[in-house]
Amino acid sequence: MVASISGTTVWRWLSSDAIRPWCYRSWMWPRDPDFETKAARVLDLYHGTWEGKPLSAGDYGLSSDEKTSIQARRRVSPTYAPLAGRLEHEYEREGTVAYLAAWDVHRGKVFGLCRHATGIESFHALIDLVMGQQPYRAARRVFWITDNGSSHRGHTSIERLGCWYPNAIQVHTPVHASWLNQIEIFFSILQRKVLTPNDFESLEELQSRILCFQAL
């Protein structure tokens, strides 16, 4: 547009667009020595390619993870409309639940289940939930994008998934880069829309609310 732009002009443009990067402090330092290679594989899958070739109609990509330690906290007092001078913060703990989910990054579908704990067994249940139905059961390839959590870490997990379902291929995000996993976007929406405030009479109500939102 022009040869140079003053700092004041840039500041004015950002302010008019309600963008205020100077109000935030954050940093992200890649710790994985193969960060670029691993991140590129994940981003390529989001764009519909694998190893430089477009995905076929028989290929699918799923982004999966666990949202752990979701609390059901029952309010001790009834809920009233906001009123000045009224504040009641007491609650009783009704337990916690883990929510495991998989997001089809190209079809926009989400699959999930609730468990009392995470682990290989719970992750296997999620895999069975998805891979036991069409089109994934008869798919040519189903790419599972995961982070490096203990339920699905390392080459052992890749081999285990291949034994469960030969057409399933696990792709890890770089270490400490689960933010590249698209399911985290769905989890953030779930947190805002369903779990805040986390006022639930029981674990059963909490699980029902999560799964009902998933079905929307």
N, C-alpha and C. Protein backbone atom coordinates (compact mmCIF):
# COMPACT_ATOMS: atom_id res chain seq x y z
N MET A 1 0.83 -1.20 0.00
CA MET A 1 0.00 0.00 0.00
C MET A 1 0.87 1.26 0.00
N VAL A 2 1.79 1.32 0.97
CA VAL A 2 2.69 2.47 1.05
C VAL A 2 4.08 1.95 1.43
N ALA A 3 5.07 2.83 1.29
CA ALA A 3 6.44 2.42 1.60
C ALA A 3 6.65 2.19 3.07
N SER A 4 5.99 2.98 3.93
CA SER A 4 6.14 2.84 5.37
C SER A 4 4.86 3.28 6.06
N ILE A 5 4.64 2.74 7.26
CA ILE A 5 3.44 3.07 8.05
C ILE A 5 3.89 3.40 9.46
N SER A 6 3.38 4.47 9.99
CA SER A 6 3.78 4.87 11.34
C SER A 6 3.13 3.96 12.38
N GLY A 7 3.76 3.90 13.53
CA GLY A 7 3.22 3.10 14.63
C GLY A 7 1.85 3.59 15.07
N THR A 8 1.65 4.91 15.02
CA THR A 8 0.36 5.49 15.41
C THR A 8 -0.76 5.02 14.49
N THR A 9 -0.45 4.93 13.19
CA THR A 9 -1.46 4.48 12.23
C THR A 9 -1.82 3.02 12.48
N VAL A 10 -0.82 2.18 12.69
CA VAL A 10 -1.08 0.77 12.98
C VAL A 10 -1.92 0.64 14.24
N TRP A 11 -1.58 1.41 15.25
CA TRP A 11 -2.33 1.39 16.51
C TRP A 11 -3.80 1.77 16.27
N ARG A 12 -4.02 2.80 15.45
CA ARG A 12 -5.38 3.25 15.18
C ARG A 12 -6.16 2.18 14.43
N TRP A 13 -5.52 1.49 13.46
CA TRP A 13 -6.20 0.43 12.71
C TRP A 13 -6.58 -0.73 13.64
N LEU A 14 -5.66 -1.13 14.49
CA LEU A 14 -5.95 -2.24 15.40
C LEU A 14 -7.08 -1.87 16.35
N SER A 15 -7.07 -0.66 16.85
CA SER A 15 -8.12 -0.22 17.78
C SER A 15 -9.48 -0.20 17.10
N SER A 16 -9.53 0.23 15.86
CA SER A 16 -10.81 0.28 15.15
C SER A 16 -11.36 -1.11 14.87
N ASP A 17 -10.48 -2.11 14.78
CA ASP A 17 -10.91 -3.49 14.54
C ASP A 17 -11.07 -4.29 15.83
N ALA A 18 -10.98 -3.63 16.97
CA ALA A 18 -11.12 -4.28 18.28
C ALA A 18 -10.07 -5.36 18.49
N ILE A 19 -8.91 -5.20 17.88
CA ILE A 19 -7.80 -6.13 18.07
C ILE A 19 -6.78 -5.46 18.97
N ARG A 20 -6.50 -6.08 20.11
CA ARG A 20 -5.59 -5.46 21.07
C ARG A 20 -4.54 -6.47 21.55
N PRO A 21 -3.59 -6.78 20.67
CA PRO A 21 -2.59 -7.79 21.06
C PRO A 21 -1.73 -7.35 22.24
N TRP A 22 -1.62 -6.04 22.50
CA TRP A 22 -0.79 -5.58 23.61
C TRP A 22 -1.44 -5.88 24.98
N CYS A 23 -2.71 -6.33 24.96
CA CYS A 23 -3.39 -6.65 26.22
C CYS A 23 -3.17 -8.10 26.65
N TYR A 24 -2.43 -8.87 25.86
CA TYR A 24 -2.25 -10.28 26.15
C TYR A 24 -0.78 -10.61 26.28
N ARG A 25 -0.47 -11.50 27.21
CA ARG A 25 0.88 -12.01 27.37
C ARG A 25 0.84 -13.53 27.19
N SER A 26 1.52 -14.03 26.21
CA SER A 26 1.54 -15.47 25.98
C SER A 26 2.79 -15.82 25.20
N TRP A 27 3.14 -17.11 25.27
CA TRP A 27 4.28 -17.58 24.50
C TRP A 27 4.10 -19.07 24.24
N MET A 28 4.71 -19.55 23.19
CA MET A 28 4.65 -20.96 22.85
C MET A 28 5.99 -21.34 22.24
N TRP A 29 6.76 -22.12 22.96
CA TRP A 29 8.09 -22.51 22.50
C TRP A 29 8.07 -23.98 22.13
N PRO A 30 8.21 -24.32 20.85
CA PRO A 30 8.18 -25.72 20.45
C PRO A 30 9.30 -26.52 21.11
N ARG A 31 8.94 -27.62 21.78
CA ARG A 31 9.93 -28.46 22.45
C ARG A 31 10.25 -29.72 21.67
N ASP A 32 9.42 -30.04 20.71
CA ASP A 32 9.64 -31.25 19.92
C ASP A 32 10.66 -30.95 18.83
N PRO A 33 11.77 -31.70 18.76
CA PRO A 33 12.77 -31.43 17.73
C PRO A 33 12.24 -31.65 16.32
N ASP A 34 11.17 -32.45 16.20
CA ASP A 34 10.55 -32.70 14.90
C ASP A 34 9.23 -31.95 14.76
N PHE A 35 9.14 -30.80 15.44
CA PHE A 35 7.87 -30.07 15.47
C PHE A 35 7.34 -29.78 14.07
N GLU A 36 8.16 -29.23 13.21
CA GLU A 36 7.70 -28.80 11.90
C GLU A 36 7.18 -29.98 11.08
N THR A 37 7.89 -31.10 11.11
CA THR A 37 7.48 -32.27 10.33
C THR A 37 6.16 -32.84 10.85
N LYS A 38 6.05 -32.97 12.18
CA LYS A 38 4.84 -33.53 12.76
C LYS A 38 3.65 -32.60 12.59
N ALA A 39 3.88 -31.31 12.78
CA ALA A 39 2.79 -30.35 12.62
C ALA A 39 2.30 -30.31 11.17
N ALA A 40 3.24 -30.42 10.23
CA ALA A 40 2.87 -30.38 8.81
C ALA A 40 1.96 -31.55 8.45
N ARG A 41 2.25 -32.72 9.02
CA ARG A 41 1.41 -33.89 8.72
C ARG A 41 -0.03 -33.67 9.18
N VAL A 42 -0.17 -33.10 10.38
CA VAL A 42 -1.51 -32.84 10.91
C VAL A 42 -2.23 -31.78 10.07
N LEU A 43 -1.54 -30.70 9.76
CA LEU A 43 -2.15 -29.63 8.98
C LEU A 43 -2.49 -30.09 7.57
N ASP A 44 -1.65 -30.95 7.00
CA ASP A 44 -1.96 -31.51 5.68
C ASP A 44 -3.25 -32.32 5.72
N LEU A 45 -3.44 -33.10 6.78
CA LEU A 45 -4.67 -33.88 6.89
C LEU A 45 -5.89 -32.96 6.99
N TYR A 46 -5.76 -31.86 7.70
CA TYR A 46 -6.86 -30.91 7.77
C TYR A 46 -7.19 -30.36 6.38
N HIS A 47 -6.16 -30.21 5.56
CA HIS A 47 -6.35 -29.69 4.20
C HIS A 47 -6.70 -30.78 3.20
N GLY A 48 -6.78 -32.04 3.67
CA GLY A 48 -7.20 -33.13 2.79
C GLY A 48 -6.10 -33.77 1.99
N THR A 49 -4.87 -33.75 2.52
CA THR A 49 -3.77 -34.41 1.81
C THR A 49 -2.99 -35.27 2.80
N TRP A 50 -2.29 -36.27 2.26
CA TRP A 50 -1.45 -37.15 3.06
C TRP A 50 -0.24 -37.56 2.23
N GLU A 51 0.93 -37.25 2.76
CA GLU A 51 2.18 -37.56 2.07
C GLU A 51 2.19 -37.00 0.65
N GLY A 52 1.69 -35.79 0.53
CA GLY A 52 1.71 -35.08 -0.75
C GLY A 52 0.63 -35.45 -1.73
N LYS A 53 -0.29 -36.35 -1.35
CA LYS A 53 -1.35 -36.77 -2.26
C LYS A 53 -2.72 -36.46 -1.65
N PRO A 54 -3.69 -36.06 -2.47
CA PRO A 54 -5.03 -35.76 -1.95
C PRO A 54 -5.68 -37.01 -1.36
N LEU A 55 -6.44 -36.82 -0.29
CA LEU A 55 -7.21 -37.93 0.27
C LEU A 55 -8.30 -38.33 -0.71
N SER A 56 -8.59 -39.60 -0.75
CA SER A 56 -9.63 -40.11 -1.65
C SER A 56 -10.98 -40.05 -0.94
N ALA A 57 -12.03 -40.41 -1.67
CA ALA A 57 -13.37 -40.42 -1.09
C ALA A 57 -13.50 -41.45 0.02
N GLY A 58 -12.62 -42.42 0.04
CA GLY A 58 -12.66 -43.47 1.07
C GLY A 58 -11.76 -43.20 2.25
N ASP A 59 -11.23 -41.97 2.37
CA ASP A 59 -10.36 -41.60 3.47
C ASP A 59 -11.07 -40.62 4.40
N TYR A 60 -10.82 -40.77 5.69
CA TYR A 60 -11.45 -39.90 6.69
C TYR A 60 -10.42 -39.48 7.73
N GLY A 61 -10.64 -38.31 8.31
CA GLY A 61 -9.74 -37.80 9.34
C GLY A 61 -10.51 -37.46 10.60
N LEU A 62 -10.05 -37.98 11.73
CA LEU A 62 -10.70 -37.75 13.01
C LEU A 62 -9.72 -37.15 14.00
N SER A 63 -10.15 -36.12 14.68
CA SER A 63 -9.36 -35.49 15.72
C SER A 63 -9.94 -35.91 17.06
N SER A 64 -9.14 -36.48 17.95
CA SER A 64 -9.70 -37.03 19.19
C SER A 64 -8.84 -36.69 20.40
N ASP A 65 -9.51 -36.65 21.56
CA ASP A 65 -8.81 -36.40 22.82
C ASP A 65 -9.80 -36.64 23.96
N GLU A 66 -9.30 -36.44 25.20
CA GLU A 66 -10.13 -36.58 26.39
C GLU A 66 -10.21 -35.25 27.13
N LYS A 67 -11.38 -34.94 27.64
CA LYS A 67 -11.55 -33.82 28.55
C LYS A 67 -11.75 -34.42 29.94
N THR A 68 -10.78 -34.27 30.80
CA THR A 68 -10.76 -35.01 32.06
C THR A 68 -11.28 -34.20 33.24
N SER A 69 -11.63 -34.93 34.29
CA SER A 69 -11.99 -34.34 35.60
C SER A 69 -13.06 -33.27 35.48
N ILE A 70 -14.14 -33.56 34.78
CA ILE A 70 -15.27 -32.63 34.70
C ILE A 70 -16.12 -32.83 35.94
N GLN A 71 -16.25 -31.80 36.73
CA GLN A 71 -16.95 -31.92 38.02
C GLN A 71 -18.44 -31.64 37.89
N ALA A 72 -19.21 -32.41 38.66
CA ALA A 72 -20.62 -32.10 38.88
C ALA A 72 -20.71 -31.49 40.27
N ARG A 73 -20.99 -30.19 40.33
CA ARG A 73 -21.05 -29.49 41.61
C ARG A 73 -22.49 -28.98 41.82
N ARG A 74 -23.14 -29.51 42.81
CA ARG A 74 -24.54 -29.16 43.08
C ARG A 74 -24.60 -27.99 44.05
N ARG A 75 -25.30 -26.95 43.67
CA ARG A 75 -25.45 -25.77 44.52
C ARG A 75 -26.25 -26.13 45.77
N VAL A 76 -25.81 -25.63 46.91
CA VAL A 76 -26.50 -25.90 48.17
C VAL A 76 -27.82 -25.13 48.23
N SER A 77 -27.84 -23.90 47.75
CA SER A 77 -29.04 -23.06 47.79
C SER A 77 -29.69 -22.99 46.42
N PRO A 78 -30.97 -22.70 46.36
CA PRO A 78 -31.65 -22.54 45.06
C PRO A 78 -31.03 -21.42 44.24
N THR A 79 -31.19 -21.49 42.94
CA THR A 79 -30.67 -20.47 42.04
C THR A 79 -31.72 -19.37 41.86
N TYR A 80 -31.30 -18.13 42.13
CA TYR A 80 -32.20 -16.99 41.98
C TYR A 80 -31.62 -16.03 40.93
N ALA A 81 -32.45 -15.10 40.51
CA ALA A 81 -31.99 -14.06 39.59
C ALA A 81 -30.96 -13.19 40.31
N PRO A 82 -30.01 -12.58 39.56
CA PRO A 82 -29.01 -11.72 40.20
C PRO A 82 -29.64 -10.59 40.99
N LEU A 83 -29.08 -10.33 42.16
CA LEU A 83 -29.59 -9.28 43.02
C LEU A 83 -28.44 -8.70 43.83
N ALA A 84 -28.36 -7.39 43.91
CA ALA A 84 -27.29 -6.75 44.66
C ALA A 84 -27.29 -7.20 46.11
N GLY A 85 -26.11 -7.52 46.63
CA GLY A 85 -25.98 -7.92 48.02
C GLY A 85 -26.21 -9.39 48.28
N ARG A 86 -26.57 -10.15 47.25
CA ARG A 86 -26.82 -11.58 47.43
C ARG A 86 -25.69 -12.37 46.79
N LEU A 87 -25.04 -13.20 47.58
CA LEU A 87 -23.94 -14.01 47.08
C LEU A 87 -23.94 -15.35 47.80
N GLU A 88 -24.05 -16.43 47.07
CA GLU A 88 -24.02 -17.76 47.65
C GLU A 88 -23.13 -18.64 46.79
N HIS A 89 -22.02 -19.10 47.36
CA HIS A 89 -21.05 -19.84 46.56
C HIS A 89 -20.87 -21.29 47.03
N GLU A 90 -21.63 -21.73 48.00
CA GLU A 90 -21.44 -23.08 48.52
C GLU A 90 -22.02 -24.13 47.58
N TYR A 91 -21.33 -25.27 47.50
CA TYR A 91 -21.79 -26.35 46.65
C TYR A 91 -21.32 -27.68 47.24
N GLU A 92 -21.90 -28.76 46.75
CA GLU A 92 -21.50 -30.11 47.14
C GLU A 92 -20.99 -30.84 45.91
N ARG A 93 -19.89 -31.56 46.07
CA ARG A 93 -19.30 -32.28 44.96
C ARG A 93 -20.05 -33.60 44.73
N GLU A 94 -20.44 -33.83 43.48
CA GLU A 94 -21.14 -35.05 43.12
C GLU A 94 -20.28 -36.01 42.31
N GLY A 95 -18.97 -35.70 42.21
CA GLY A 95 -18.06 -36.59 41.48
C GLY A 95 -17.56 -35.97 40.19
N THR A 96 -16.74 -36.71 39.50
CA THR A 96 -16.17 -36.25 38.24
C THR A 96 -16.36 -37.29 37.14
N VAL A 97 -16.26 -36.83 35.92
CA VAL A 97 -16.39 -37.71 34.76
C VAL A 97 -15.40 -37.25 33.70
N ALA A 98 -15.00 -38.18 32.86
CA ALA A 98 -14.13 -37.86 31.72
C ALA A 98 -14.96 -37.99 30.44
N TYR A 99 -14.75 -37.04 29.54
CA TYR A 99 -15.46 -37.07 28.25
C TYR A 99 -14.45 -37.29 27.15
N LEU A 100 -14.62 -38.37 26.41
CA LEU A 100 -13.76 -38.69 25.28
C LEU A 100 -14.53 -38.45 24.00
N ALA A 101 -13.90 -37.76 23.05
CA ALA A 101 -14.61 -37.40 21.83
C ALA A 101 -13.71 -37.45 20.61
N ALA A 102 -14.34 -37.62 19.47
CA ALA A 102 -13.64 -37.62 18.18
C ALA A 102 -14.44 -36.74 17.22
N TRP A 103 -13.72 -35.89 16.50
CA TRP A 103 -14.34 -34.92 15.59
C TRP A 103 -13.90 -35.24 14.17
N ASP A 104 -14.86 -35.51 13.29
CA ASP A 104 -14.55 -35.73 11.88
C ASP A 104 -14.27 -34.37 11.26
N VAL A 105 -13.02 -34.13 10.96
CA VAL A 105 -12.59 -32.78 10.58
C VAL A 105 -13.10 -32.36 9.20
N HIS A 106 -13.56 -33.29 8.39
CA HIS A 106 -14.04 -32.95 7.06
C HIS A 106 -15.56 -33.03 6.94
N ARG A 107 -16.20 -33.83 7.80
CA ARG A 107 -17.66 -33.98 7.74
C ARG A 107 -18.38 -33.20 8.84
N GLY A 108 -17.61 -32.68 9.80
CA GLY A 108 -18.21 -31.86 10.86
C GLY A 108 -19.08 -32.64 11.82
N LYS A 109 -18.75 -33.91 12.06
CA LYS A 109 -19.52 -34.74 12.99
C LYS A 109 -18.68 -35.03 14.23
N VAL A 110 -19.34 -35.11 15.37
CA VAL A 110 -18.64 -35.39 16.62
C VAL A 110 -19.22 -36.65 17.25
N PHE A 111 -18.34 -37.48 17.78
CA PHE A 111 -18.73 -38.71 18.47
C PHE A 111 -18.07 -38.69 19.85
N GLY A 112 -18.78 -39.16 20.86
CA GLY A 112 -18.17 -39.12 22.17
C GLY A 112 -18.89 -39.99 23.17
N LEU A 113 -18.22 -40.21 24.30
CA LEU A 113 -18.79 -40.99 25.39
C LEU A 113 -18.19 -40.52 26.70
N CYS A 114 -18.87 -40.82 27.78
CA CYS A 114 -18.41 -40.45 29.12
C CYS A 114 -17.94 -41.68 29.86
N ARG A 115 -16.86 -41.54 30.58
CA ARG A 115 -16.30 -42.62 31.39
C ARG A 115 -15.85 -42.04 32.73
N HIS A 116 -15.77 -42.91 33.72
CA HIS A 116 -15.33 -42.46 35.04
C HIS A 116 -13.82 -42.26 35.08
N ALA A 117 -13.11 -42.81 34.11
CA ALA A 117 -11.65 -42.64 34.07
C ALA A 117 -11.18 -42.76 32.63
N THR A 118 -10.03 -42.15 32.36
CA THR A 118 -9.41 -42.29 31.05
C THR A 118 -8.50 -43.52 31.07
N GLY A 119 -7.80 -43.76 29.97
CA GLY A 119 -6.92 -44.92 29.89
C GLY A 119 -7.10 -45.63 28.57
N ILE A 120 -6.31 -46.65 28.36
CA ILE A 120 -6.36 -47.38 27.09
C ILE A 120 -7.72 -48.01 26.87
N GLU A 121 -8.31 -48.55 27.92
CA GLU A 121 -9.62 -49.19 27.78
C GLU A 121 -10.69 -48.18 27.35
N SER A 122 -10.69 -47.00 27.96
CA SER A 122 -11.67 -45.98 27.59
C SER A 122 -11.42 -45.47 26.17
N PHE A 123 -10.14 -45.29 25.81
CA PHE A 123 -9.81 -44.87 24.45
C PHE A 123 -10.25 -45.93 23.44
N HIS A 124 -10.08 -47.19 23.80
CA HIS A 124 -10.52 -48.29 22.92
C HIS A 124 -12.04 -48.22 22.72
N ALA A 125 -12.77 -47.89 23.78
CA ALA A 125 -14.22 -47.78 23.66
C ALA A 125 -14.61 -46.69 22.68
N LEU A 126 -13.90 -45.56 22.70
CA LEU A 126 -14.17 -44.49 21.74
C LEU A 126 -13.86 -44.95 20.32
N ILE A 127 -12.74 -45.63 20.14
CA ILE A 127 -12.38 -46.15 18.82
C ILE A 127 -13.47 -47.08 18.31
N ASP A 128 -13.93 -47.99 19.17
CA ASP A 128 -14.99 -48.94 18.77
C ASP A 128 -16.27 -48.20 18.40
N LEU A 129 -16.60 -47.15 19.16
CA LEU A 129 -17.82 -46.39 18.90
C LEU A 129 -17.81 -45.84 17.48
N VAL A 130 -16.67 -45.31 17.05
CA VAL A 130 -16.57 -44.70 15.72
C VAL A 130 -16.36 -45.75 14.64
N MET A 131 -15.38 -46.61 14.84
CA MET A 131 -15.00 -47.56 13.80
C MET A 131 -16.04 -48.66 13.59
N GLY A 132 -16.96 -48.81 14.53
CA GLY A 132 -18.00 -49.83 14.37
C GLY A 132 -19.15 -49.40 13.50
N GLN A 133 -19.12 -48.16 12.99
CA GLN A 133 -20.22 -47.68 12.16
C GLN A 133 -19.69 -47.16 10.83
N GLN A 134 -20.59 -47.07 9.89
CA GLN A 134 -20.24 -46.55 8.58
C GLN A 134 -20.17 -45.02 8.62
N PRO A 135 -19.34 -44.41 7.81
CA PRO A 135 -18.54 -45.00 6.73
C PRO A 135 -17.16 -45.49 7.17
N TYR A 136 -16.86 -45.37 8.46
CA TYR A 136 -15.49 -45.65 8.93
C TYR A 136 -15.18 -47.15 8.90
N ARG A 137 -16.18 -47.97 9.15
CA ARG A 137 -15.94 -49.41 9.19
C ARG A 137 -15.43 -49.93 7.86
N ALA A 138 -15.97 -49.40 6.76
CA ALA A 138 -15.58 -49.88 5.43
C ALA A 138 -14.65 -48.90 4.72
N ALA A 139 -14.14 -47.91 5.46
CA ALA A 139 -13.29 -46.90 4.83
C ALA A 139 -11.95 -47.48 4.39
N ARG A 140 -11.36 -46.85 3.41
CA ARG A 140 -10.01 -47.25 2.96
C ARG A 140 -8.99 -46.95 4.04
N ARG A 141 -9.03 -45.70 4.56
CA ARG A 141 -8.15 -45.29 5.64
C ARG A 141 -8.89 -44.32 6.56
N VAL A 142 -8.66 -44.46 7.87
CA VAL A 142 -9.22 -43.54 8.84
C VAL A 142 -8.05 -43.02 9.68
N PHE A 143 -7.73 -41.75 9.53
CA PHE A 143 -6.62 -41.13 10.25
C PHE A 143 -7.12 -40.61 11.60
N TRP A 144 -6.48 -41.05 12.66
CA TRP A 144 -6.81 -40.61 14.01
C TRP A 144 -5.73 -39.65 14.51
N ILE A 145 -6.07 -38.39 14.63
CA ILE A 145 -5.14 -37.38 15.12
C ILE A 145 -5.28 -37.30 16.64
N THR A 146 -4.18 -37.55 17.35
CA THR A 146 -4.20 -37.50 18.82
C THR A 146 -2.98 -36.73 19.33
N ASP A 147 -3.04 -36.34 20.59
CA ASP A 147 -1.84 -35.79 21.21
C ASP A 147 -1.03 -36.94 21.79
N ASN A 148 -0.13 -36.63 22.71
CA ASN A 148 0.76 -37.65 23.25
C ASN A 148 0.40 -38.04 24.68
N GLY A 149 -0.90 -38.02 24.97
CA GLY A 149 -1.38 -38.44 26.28
C GLY A 149 -1.11 -39.91 26.54
N SER A 150 -1.15 -40.30 27.81
CA SER A 150 -0.77 -41.67 28.19
C SER A 150 -1.65 -42.74 27.57
N SER A 151 -2.88 -42.39 27.18
CA SER A 151 -3.79 -43.38 26.60
C SER A 151 -3.45 -43.74 25.17
N HIS A 152 -2.66 -42.89 24.51
CA HIS A 152 -2.38 -43.10 23.09
C HIS A 152 -1.03 -42.52 22.72
N ARG A 153 -0.02 -42.91 23.48
CA ARG A 153 1.32 -42.34 23.32
C ARG A 153 2.25 -43.27 22.56
N GLY A 154 3.06 -42.70 21.68
CA GLY A 154 4.18 -43.41 21.09
C GLY A 154 3.82 -44.43 20.01
N HIS A 155 4.88 -45.11 19.54
CA HIS A 155 4.72 -46.08 18.47
C HIS A 155 3.89 -47.29 18.91
N THR A 156 3.96 -47.60 20.21
CA THR A 156 3.16 -48.73 20.72
C THR A 156 1.68 -48.48 20.49
N SER A 157 1.23 -47.25 20.70
CA SER A 157 -0.17 -46.92 20.48
C SER A 157 -0.53 -47.03 19.00
N ILE A 158 0.38 -46.61 18.13
CA ILE A 158 0.13 -46.72 16.69
C ILE A 158 -0.06 -48.17 16.28
N GLU A 159 0.80 -49.04 16.79
CA GLU A 159 0.69 -50.46 16.48
C GLU A 159 -0.59 -51.06 17.07
N ARG A 160 -0.93 -50.65 18.29
CA ARG A 160 -2.12 -51.17 18.94
C ARG A 160 -3.38 -50.79 18.16
N LEU A 161 -3.45 -49.54 17.71
CA LEU A 161 -4.61 -49.10 16.93
C LEU A 161 -4.70 -49.88 15.63
N GLY A 162 -3.55 -50.14 14.99
CA GLY A 162 -3.54 -50.92 13.76
C GLY A 162 -4.01 -52.34 13.98
N CYS A 163 -3.74 -52.89 15.16
CA CYS A 163 -4.22 -54.24 15.48
C CYS A 163 -5.73 -54.24 15.70
N TRP A 164 -6.23 -53.17 16.34
CA TRP A 164 -7.67 -53.09 16.55
C TRP A 164 -8.41 -52.95 15.23
N TYR A 165 -7.93 -52.05 14.38
CA TYR A 165 -8.57 -51.78 13.09
C TYR A 165 -7.47 -51.53 12.06
N PRO A 166 -7.27 -52.47 11.14
CA PRO A 166 -6.19 -52.35 10.15
C PRO A 166 -6.29 -51.11 9.27
N ASN A 167 -7.47 -50.55 9.10
CA ASN A 167 -7.61 -49.36 8.25
C ASN A 167 -7.46 -48.06 9.03
N ALA A 168 -7.12 -48.16 10.33
CA ALA A 168 -6.95 -46.97 11.17
C ALA A 168 -5.47 -46.61 11.27
N ILE A 169 -5.16 -45.34 11.08
CA ILE A 169 -3.78 -44.84 11.13
C ILE A 169 -3.72 -43.71 12.15
N GLN A 170 -2.89 -43.87 13.18
CA GLN A 170 -2.77 -42.84 14.19
C GLN A 170 -1.68 -41.84 13.83
N VAL A 171 -1.99 -40.55 13.99
CA VAL A 171 -1.05 -39.48 13.69
C VAL A 171 -0.94 -38.59 14.93
N HIS A 172 0.24 -38.49 15.52
CA HIS A 172 0.44 -37.70 16.72
C HIS A 172 0.74 -36.24 16.38
N THR A 173 0.21 -35.35 17.20
CA THR A 173 0.65 -33.96 17.14
C THR A 173 2.06 -33.88 17.75
N PRO A 174 2.79 -32.81 17.51
CA PRO A 174 4.09 -32.66 18.18
C PRO A 174 3.92 -32.66 19.69
N VAL A 175 4.98 -32.99 20.42
CA VAL A 175 4.95 -32.97 21.87
C VAL A 175 4.63 -31.55 22.36
N HIS A 176 3.75 -31.47 23.36
CA HIS A 176 3.32 -30.18 23.92
C HIS A 176 2.67 -29.29 22.87
N ALA A 177 1.95 -29.90 21.93
CA ALA A 177 1.26 -29.12 20.90
C ALA A 177 -0.14 -29.66 20.66
N SER A 178 -0.82 -30.03 21.74
CA SER A 178 -2.19 -30.54 21.58
C SER A 178 -3.13 -29.46 21.06
N TRP A 179 -2.67 -28.18 21.10
CA TRP A 179 -3.49 -27.09 20.56
C TRP A 179 -3.65 -27.20 19.04
N LEU A 180 -2.87 -28.07 18.40
CA LEU A 180 -3.07 -28.33 16.97
C LEU A 180 -4.21 -29.30 16.72
N ASN A 181 -4.74 -29.86 17.78
CA ASN A 181 -5.80 -30.86 17.67
C ASN A 181 -7.15 -30.15 17.64
N GLN A 182 -7.89 -30.30 16.54
CA GLN A 182 -9.13 -29.54 16.36
C GLN A 182 -10.20 -29.87 17.39
N ILE A 183 -10.16 -31.05 18.00
CA ILE A 183 -11.18 -31.39 18.99
C ILE A 183 -11.14 -30.42 20.16
N GLU A 184 -9.98 -29.77 20.38
CA GLU A 184 -9.88 -28.81 21.47
C GLU A 184 -10.81 -27.62 21.24
N ILE A 185 -11.10 -27.30 20.00
CA ILE A 185 -12.04 -26.22 19.70
C ILE A 185 -13.43 -26.60 20.18
N PHE A 186 -13.82 -27.86 19.89
CA PHE A 186 -15.13 -28.33 20.36
C PHE A 186 -15.18 -28.36 21.88
N PHE A 187 -14.10 -28.79 22.52
CA PHE A 187 -14.07 -28.81 23.99
C PHE A 187 -14.24 -27.42 24.57
N SER A 188 -13.65 -26.41 23.93
CA SER A 188 -13.79 -25.05 24.45
C SER A 188 -15.23 -24.55 24.31
N ILE A 189 -15.90 -24.94 23.24
CA ILE A 189 -17.32 -24.58 23.07
C ILE A 189 -18.16 -25.30 24.11
N LEU A 190 -17.89 -26.58 24.33
CA LEU A 190 -18.60 -27.35 25.35
C LEU A 190 -18.44 -26.71 26.72
N GLN A 191 -17.23 -26.26 27.03
CA GLN A 191 -16.97 -25.63 28.33
C GLN A 191 -17.82 -24.38 28.51
N ARG A 192 -17.89 -23.56 27.48
CA ARG A 192 -18.64 -22.30 27.58
C ARG A 192 -20.15 -22.51 27.56
N LYS A 193 -20.62 -23.41 26.71
CA LYS A 193 -22.06 -23.57 26.49
C LYS A 193 -22.74 -24.49 27.51
N VAL A 194 -22.00 -25.49 28.03
CA VAL A 194 -22.63 -26.52 28.85
C VAL A 194 -22.08 -26.58 30.27
N LEU A 195 -20.78 -26.43 30.41
CA LEU A 195 -20.14 -26.71 31.69
C LEU A 195 -19.90 -25.47 32.55
N THR A 196 -20.30 -24.31 32.07
CA THR A 196 -20.14 -23.08 32.84
C THR A 196 -21.50 -22.38 32.98
N PRO A 197 -22.04 -22.29 34.20
CA PRO A 197 -21.49 -22.84 35.44
C PRO A 197 -21.75 -24.34 35.53
N ASN A 198 -20.90 -25.04 36.26
CA ASN A 198 -21.06 -26.50 36.36
C ASN A 198 -21.97 -26.86 37.54
N ASP A 199 -23.23 -26.50 37.40
CA ASP A 199 -24.25 -26.73 38.42
C ASP A 199 -25.10 -27.92 37.99
N PHE A 200 -24.82 -29.09 38.54
CA PHE A 200 -25.52 -30.32 38.16
C PHE A 200 -25.90 -31.09 39.41
N GLU A 201 -27.10 -31.66 39.41
CA GLU A 201 -27.58 -32.40 40.56
C GLU A 201 -26.85 -33.73 40.76
N SER A 202 -26.33 -34.28 39.66
CA SER A 202 -25.69 -35.59 39.74
C SER A 202 -24.78 -35.80 38.55
N LEU A 203 -23.96 -36.86 38.62
CA LEU A 203 -23.13 -37.22 37.48
C LEU A 203 -23.98 -37.61 36.28
N GLU A 204 -25.11 -38.24 36.55
CA GLU A 204 -26.00 -38.66 35.46
C GLU A 204 -26.51 -37.45 34.69
N GLU A 205 -26.87 -36.38 35.42
CA GLU A 205 -27.33 -35.17 34.74
C GLU A 205 -26.20 -34.54 33.94
N LEU A 206 -25.01 -34.51 34.51
CA LEU A 206 -23.86 -33.96 33.81
C LEU A 206 -23.60 -34.71 32.51
N GLN A 207 -23.57 -36.03 32.58
CA GLN A 207 -23.31 -36.83 31.38
C GLN A 207 -24.42 -36.64 30.35
N SER A 208 -25.66 -36.57 30.80
CA SER A 208 -26.78 -36.38 29.87
C SER A 208 -26.67 -35.04 29.15
N ARG A 209 -26.29 -33.98 29.86
CA ARG A 209 -26.16 -32.66 29.25
C ARG A 209 -25.05 -32.66 28.20
N ILE A 210 -23.94 -33.31 28.51
CA ILE A 210 -22.83 -33.36 27.57
C ILE A 210 -23.23 -34.09 26.29
N LEU A 211 -23.85 -35.26 26.44
CA LEU A 211 -24.20 -36.07 25.28
C LEU A 211 -25.35 -35.44 24.47
N CYS A 212 -26.25 -34.73 25.14
CA CYS A 212 -27.31 -34.04 24.43
C CYS A 212 -26.73 -32.90 23.58
N PHE A 213 -25.79 -32.16 24.15
CA PHE A 213 -25.14 -31.09 23.39
C PHE A 213 -24.38 -31.66 22.21
N GLN A 214 -23.72 -32.79 22.40
CA GLN A 214 -22.99 -33.44 21.33
C GLN A 214 -23.91 -33.79 20.16
N ALA A 215 -25.15 -34.15 20.46
CA ALA A 215 -26.10 -34.59 19.44
C ALA A 215 -26.73 -33.44 18.66
N LEU A 216 -26.54 -32.20 19.12
CA LEU A 216 -27.15 -31.06 18.44
C LEU A 216 -26.61 -30.87 17.03
